[in-house]
């Protein structure tokens, strides 16, 4: 199924700060058919907003409200991408990234962090193996463009987490 990220589909879902992203993907058709996104978020309102945005765009959504549930669903569902909050009950998002990277063949699944931490506080996440970092509040179009871009890079093999390159510091 081909979907277009359009203003009409996303109007009313923007909750954000308007940061930039690979918008050319947002302006072109993106094949979302069969793509599963695991959302790991403990705030019900944010989980609902993220789920709606992704479902309207054609993604299959699997949700987890804490770190332990996320680990089980990650193994069972084998998602194409993970949207991950860092401040979670049971297992933190920081720890989840490390655990996801140890789960073979899953280290190539891109993790996009969506967090209320400011960029400097969460910057270490990039060193842990996240494909991208989005701060809350976020813009729906920006988030969808970043999800599409992370999936595109993963399909093309142009993205590997730092953990897959132990020689890179």
C-alpha atoms as a PDB file:
ATOM      1  CA  UNK A   1       0.000   0.000   0.000  1.00  0.00           C
ATOM      2  CA  UNK A   2       1.379   3.408  -0.924  1.00  0.00           C
ATOM      3  CA  UNK A   3       0.519   6.331   1.315  1.00  0.00           C
ATOM      4  CA  UNK A   4       1.294   9.997   1.052  1.00  0.00           C
ATOM      5  CA  UNK A   5       2.041  12.044   4.135  1.00  0.00           C
ATOM      6  CA  UNK A   6      -0.316  14.918   3.581  1.00  0.00           C
ATOM      7  CA  UNK A   7      -1.502  17.922   5.505  1.00  0.00           C
ATOM      8  CA  UNK A   8      -5.087  16.660   5.393  1.00  0.00           C
ATOM      9  CA  UNK A   9      -4.257  13.286   6.931  1.00  0.00           C
ATOM     10  CA  UNK A  10      -2.154  14.802   9.686  1.00  0.00           C
ATOM     11  CA  UNK A  11      -4.073  17.988  10.452  1.00  0.00           C
ATOM     12  CA  UNK A  12      -4.980  18.044  14.090  1.00  0.00           C
ATOM     13  CA  UNK A  13      -2.226  15.583  15.003  1.00  0.00           C
ATOM     14  CA  UNK A  14       0.655  18.055  15.041  1.00  0.00           C
ATOM     15  CA  UNK A  15       1.884  18.455  18.577  1.00  0.00           C
ATOM     16  CA  UNK A  16       5.176  20.006  17.984  1.00  0.00           C
ATOM     17  CA  UNK A  17       8.242  22.000  17.745  1.00  0.00           C
ATOM     18  CA  UNK A  18       8.729  21.918  13.935  1.00  0.00           C
ATOM     19  CA  UNK A  19      12.274  20.538  13.862  1.00  0.00           C
ATOM     20  CA  UNK A  20      13.666  19.606  10.445  1.00  0.00           C
ATOM     21  CA  UNK A  21      13.904  16.080   9.002  1.00  0.00           C
ATOM     22  CA  UNK A  22      14.269  14.436   5.590  1.00  0.00           C
ATOM     23  CA  UNK A  23      11.109  16.104   4.317  1.00  0.00           C
ATOM     24  CA  UNK A  24      11.612  14.888   0.753  1.00  0.00           C
ATOM     25  CA  UNK A  25      10.386  11.485   1.970  1.00  0.00           C
ATOM     26  CA  UNK A  26       7.340  13.126   3.484  1.00  0.00           C
ATOM     27  CA  UNK A  27       6.536  14.694   0.130  1.00  0.00           C
ATOM     28  CA  UNK A  28       6.829  11.439  -1.836  1.00  0.00           C
ATOM     29  CA  UNK A  29       5.041   8.107  -1.709  1.00  0.00           C
ATOM     30  CA  UNK A  30       6.398   5.757   0.937  1.00  0.00           C
ATOM     31  CA  UNK A  31       5.562   2.055   0.907  1.00  0.00           C
ATOM     32  CA  UNK A  32       4.248   1.321   4.391  1.00  0.00           C
ATOM     33  CA  UNK A  33       2.601  -2.007   3.577  1.00  0.00           C
ATOM     34  CA  UNK A  34       3.678  -4.766   5.902  1.00  0.00           C
ATOM     35  CA  UNK A  35       5.839  -2.437   8.003  1.00  0.00           C
ATOM     36  CA  UNK A  36       5.456  -2.994  11.731  1.00  0.00           C
ATOM     37  CA  UNK A  37       6.382  -0.329  14.265  1.00  0.00           C
ATOM     38  CA  UNK A  38       6.750  -1.164  17.943  1.00  0.00           C
ATOM     39  CA  UNK A  39       5.875   1.893  20.040  1.00  0.00           C
ATOM     40  CA  UNK A  40       7.296   1.795  23.562  1.00  0.00           C
ATOM     41  CA  UNK A  41       5.666   4.608  25.527  1.00  0.00           C
ATOM     42  CA  UNK A  42       4.179   4.730  29.026  1.00  0.00           C
ATOM     43  CA  UNK A  43       2.200   7.989  28.638  1.00  0.00           C
ATOM     44  CA  UNK A  44      -1.282   7.023  27.368  1.00  0.00           C
ATOM     45  CA  UNK A  45      -1.918  10.271  25.436  1.00  0.00           C
ATOM     46  CA  UNK A  46       1.421  10.107  23.639  1.00  0.00           C
ATOM     47  CA  UNK A  47       0.950   6.406  22.882  1.00  0.00           C
ATOM     48  CA  UNK A  48      -2.478   7.117  21.396  1.00  0.00           C
ATOM     49  CA  UNK A  49      -1.189  10.023  19.276  1.00  0.00           C
ATOM     50  CA  UNK A  50       1.767   8.014  17.949  1.00  0.00           C
ATOM     51  CA  UNK A  51      -0.448   5.001  17.217  1.00  0.00           C
ATOM     52  CA  UNK A  52      -2.976   7.101  15.306  1.00  0.00           C
ATOM     53  CA  UNK A  53      -0.310   8.877  13.256  1.00  0.00           C
ATOM     54  CA  UNK A  54       1.314   5.625  12.206  1.00  0.00           C
ATOM     55  CA  UNK A  55      -1.924   3.735  11.561  1.00  0.00           C
ATOM     56  CA  UNK A  56      -3.308   6.567   9.405  1.00  0.00           C
ATOM     57  CA  UNK A  57      -0.065   6.359   7.419  1.00  0.00           C
ATOM     58  CA  UNK A  58      -0.510   2.610   6.828  1.00  0.00           C
ATOM     59  CA  UNK A  59       1.827   1.099   9.405  1.00  0.00           C
ATOM     60  CA  UNK A  60       0.932  -1.855  11.601  1.00  0.00           C
ATOM     61  CA  UNK A  61       1.369  -0.730  15.200  1.00  0.00           C
ATOM     62  CA  UNK A  62       2.320  -2.832  18.213  1.00  0.00           C
ATOM     63  CA  UNK A  63       2.330  -1.034  21.572  1.00  0.00           C
ATOM     64  CA  UNK A  64       4.188  -1.634  24.813  1.00  0.00           C
ATOM     65  CA  UNK A  65       3.787   0.465  27.960  1.00  0.00           C
ATOM     66  CA  UNK A  66       6.913  -0.638  29.809  1.00  0.00           C
ATOM     67  CA  UNK A  67      10.366  -2.021  29.115  1.00  0.00           C
ATOM     68  CA  UNK A  68       9.633  -5.636  29.988  1.00  0.00           C
ATOM     69  CA  UNK A  69       6.576  -5.754  27.720  1.00  0.00           C
ATOM     70  CA  UNK A  70       8.701  -4.133  24.989  1.00  0.00           C
ATOM     71  CA  UNK A  71      11.304  -6.906  25.190  1.00  0.00           C
ATOM     72  CA  UNK A  72       8.651  -9.605  24.816  1.00  0.00           C
ATOM     73  CA  UNK A  73       6.913  -7.842  21.919  1.00  0.00           C
ATOM     74  CA  UNK A  74      10.233  -7.074  20.206  1.00  0.00           C
ATOM     75  CA  UNK A  75      11.089 -10.778  20.107  1.00  0.00           C
ATOM     76  CA  UNK A  76       7.571 -11.971  19.254  1.00  0.00           C
ATOM     77  CA  UNK A  77       6.565  -9.339  16.663  1.00  0.00           C
ATOM     78  CA  UNK A  78       9.964  -8.733  15.032  1.00  0.00           C
ATOM     79  CA  UNK A  79       9.164  -5.097  14.186  1.00  0.00           C
ATOM     80  CA  UNK A  80      10.713  -3.188  11.298  1.00  0.00           C
ATOM     81  CA  UNK A  81      11.283  -0.165  13.566  1.00  0.00           C
ATOM     82  CA  UNK A  82      10.974   0.778  17.241  1.00  0.00           C
ATOM     83  CA  UNK A  83       9.753   4.165  18.516  1.00  0.00           C
ATOM     84  CA  UNK A  84      11.142   4.330  22.042  1.00  0.00           C
ATOM     85  CA  UNK A  85      10.656   6.598  25.030  1.00  0.00           C
ATOM     86  CA  UNK A  86      13.646   6.651  27.383  1.00  0.00           C
ATOM     87  CA  UNK A  87      11.898   7.102  30.729  1.00  0.00           C
ATOM     88  CA  UNK A  88       9.995   3.823  31.173  1.00  0.00           C
ATOM     89  CA  UNK A  89       8.898   1.576  34.017  1.00  0.00           C
ATOM     90  CA  UNK A  90      10.650  -1.789  34.603  1.00  0.00           C
ATOM     91  CA  UNK A  91      13.458  -1.385  32.031  1.00  0.00           C
ATOM     92  CA  UNK A  92      14.706   2.037  30.867  1.00  0.00           C
ATOM     93  CA  UNK A  93      14.857   3.011  27.218  1.00  0.00           C
ATOM     94  CA  UNK A  94      18.641   3.364  27.518  1.00  0.00           C
ATOM     95  CA  UNK A  95      18.875  -0.263  28.661  1.00  0.00           C
ATOM     96  CA  UNK A  96      16.370  -1.437  26.034  1.00  0.00           C
ATOM     97  CA  UNK A  97      18.544  -0.119  23.216  1.00  0.00           C
ATOM     98  CA  UNK A  98      21.468  -2.180  24.496  1.00  0.00           C
ATOM     99  CA  UNK A  99      19.263  -5.259  24.860  1.00  0.00           C
ATOM    100  CA  UNK A 100      17.772  -4.822  21.368  1.00  0.00           C
ATOM    101  CA  UNK A 101      21.279  -4.582  19.914  1.00  0.00           C
ATOM    102  CA  UNK A 102      22.297  -7.850  21.571  1.00  0.00           C
ATOM    103  CA  UNK A 103      19.293  -9.712  20.144  1.00  0.00           C
ATOM    104  CA  UNK A 104      20.473 -11.318  16.890  1.00  0.00           C
ATOM    105  CA  UNK A 105      19.494 -10.709  14.084  1.00  0.00           C
ATOM    106  CA  UNK A 106      17.681  -7.691  15.519  1.00  0.00           C
ATOM    107  CA  UNK A 107      20.607  -5.269  15.841  1.00  0.00           C
ATOM    108  CA  UNK A 108      19.710  -3.913  12.416  1.00  0.00           C
ATOM    109  CA  UNK A 109      16.201  -2.856  13.485  1.00  0.00           C
ATOM    110  CA  UNK A 110      16.295   0.943  13.676  1.00  0.00           C
ATOM    111  CA  UNK A 111      15.319   2.516  16.983  1.00  0.00           C
ATOM    112  CA  UNK A 112      13.970   6.071  16.872  1.00  0.00           C
ATOM    113  CA  UNK A 113      13.980   7.635  20.311  1.00  0.00           C
ATOM    114  CA  UNK A 114      11.072   9.954  21.165  1.00  0.00           C
ATOM    115  CA  UNK A 115      11.849  11.615  24.481  1.00  0.00           C
ATOM    116  CA  UNK A 116      11.131  14.563  26.748  1.00  0.00           C
ATOM    117  CA  UNK A 117      14.838  14.729  27.614  1.00  0.00           C
ATOM    118  CA  UNK A 118      16.528  17.630  25.899  1.00  0.00           C
ATOM    119  CA  UNK A 119      18.839  16.811  23.028  1.00  0.00           C
ATOM    120  CA  UNK A 120      22.050  17.161  25.050  1.00  0.00           C
ATOM    121  CA  UNK A 121      20.764  14.851  27.793  1.00  0.00           C
ATOM    122  CA  UNK A 122      19.732  12.191  25.291  1.00  0.00           C
ATOM    123  CA  UNK A 123      22.675  12.598  22.922  1.00  0.00           C
ATOM    124  CA  UNK A 124      24.406   9.572  24.410  1.00  0.00           C
ATOM    125  CA  UNK A 125      21.565   7.512  22.916  1.00  0.00           C
ATOM    126  CA  UNK A 126      23.178   7.919  19.511  1.00  0.00           C
ATOM    127  CA  UNK A 127      26.243   6.181  20.869  1.00  0.00           C
ATOM    128  CA  UNK A 128      24.022   3.382  22.168  1.00  0.00           C
ATOM    129  CA  UNK A 129      22.669   2.619  18.718  1.00  0.00           C
ATOM    130  CA  UNK A 130      19.627   4.769  18.030  1.00  0.00           C
ATOM    131  CA  UNK A 131      18.918   5.674  14.413  1.00  0.00           C
ATOM    132  CA  UNK A 132      17.391   9.029  15.334  1.00  0.00           C
ATOM    133  CA  UNK A 133      16.337  11.191  18.256  1.00  0.00           C
ATOM    134  CA  UNK A 134      13.135  13.230  18.396  1.00  0.00           C
ATOM    135  CA  UNK A 135      12.364  15.474  21.352  1.00  0.00           C
ATOM    136  CA  UNK A 136       8.885  16.012  22.764  1.00  0.00           C
ATOM    137  CA  UNK A 137       6.817  17.879  21.892  1.00  0.00           C
ATOM    138  CA  UNK A 138       7.101  16.691  18.300  1.00  0.00           C
ATOM    139  CA  UNK A 139       5.567  17.552  14.953  1.00  0.00           C
ATOM    140  CA  UNK A 140       3.579  14.731  13.306  1.00  0.00           C
ATOM    141  CA  UNK A 141       4.972  15.326   9.804  1.00  0.00           C
ATOM    142  CA  UNK A 142       8.520  15.463  11.127  1.00  0.00           C
ATOM    143  CA  UNK A 143       8.088  12.254  13.102  1.00  0.00           C
ATOM    144  CA  UNK A 144       6.555  10.410  10.135  1.00  0.00           C
ATOM    145  CA  UNK A 145       9.327  11.630   7.846  1.00  0.00           C
ATOM    146  CA  UNK A 146      11.972  10.425  10.281  1.00  0.00           C
ATOM    147  CA  UNK A 147      10.287   7.025  10.621  1.00  0.00           C
ATOM    148  CA  UNK A 148      10.154   6.665   6.830  1.00  0.00           C
ATOM    149  CA  UNK A 149      13.772   7.766   6.496  1.00  0.00           C
ATOM    150  CA  UNK A 150      14.993   5.332   9.175  1.00  0.00           C
ATOM    151  CA  UNK A 151      13.124   2.475   7.461  1.00  0.00           C
ATOM    152  CA  UNK A 152      14.528   3.518   4.075  1.00  0.00           C
ATOM    153  CA  UNK A 153      18.087   3.580   5.429  1.00  0.00           C
ATOM    154  CA  UNK A 154      17.610   0.178   7.083  1.00  0.00           C
ATOM    155  CA  UNK A 155      16.273  -1.359   3.838  1.00  0.00           C
ATOM    156  CA  UNK A 156      19.186   0.087   1.870  1.00  0.00           C
ATOM    157  CA  UNK A 157      21.722  -1.110   4.412  1.00  0.00           C
ATOM    158  CA  UNK A 158      23.043   2.421   4.858  1.00  0.00           C
ATOM    159  CA  UNK A 159      22.367   2.479   8.570  1.00  0.00           C
ATOM    160  CA  UNK A 160      24.015   0.337  11.168  1.00  0.00           C
ATOM    161  CA  UNK A 161      24.046   1.179  14.859  1.00  0.00           C
ATOM    162  CA  UNK A 162      27.313   2.088  16.516  1.00  0.00           C
ATOM    163  CA  UNK A 163      27.107  -1.212  18.408  1.00  0.00           C
ATOM    164  CA  UNK A 164      27.456  -3.054  15.080  1.00  0.00           C
ATOM    165  CA  UNK A 165      30.711  -1.165  14.448  1.00  0.00           C
ATOM    166  CA  UNK A 166      32.816  -1.742  17.556  1.00  0.00           C
ATOM    167  CA  UNK A 167      35.810  -0.065  15.895  1.00  0.00           C
ATOM    168  CA  UNK A 168      33.906   3.221  15.481  1.00  0.00           C
ATOM    169  CA  UNK A 169      34.206   5.482  18.507  1.00  0.00           C
END
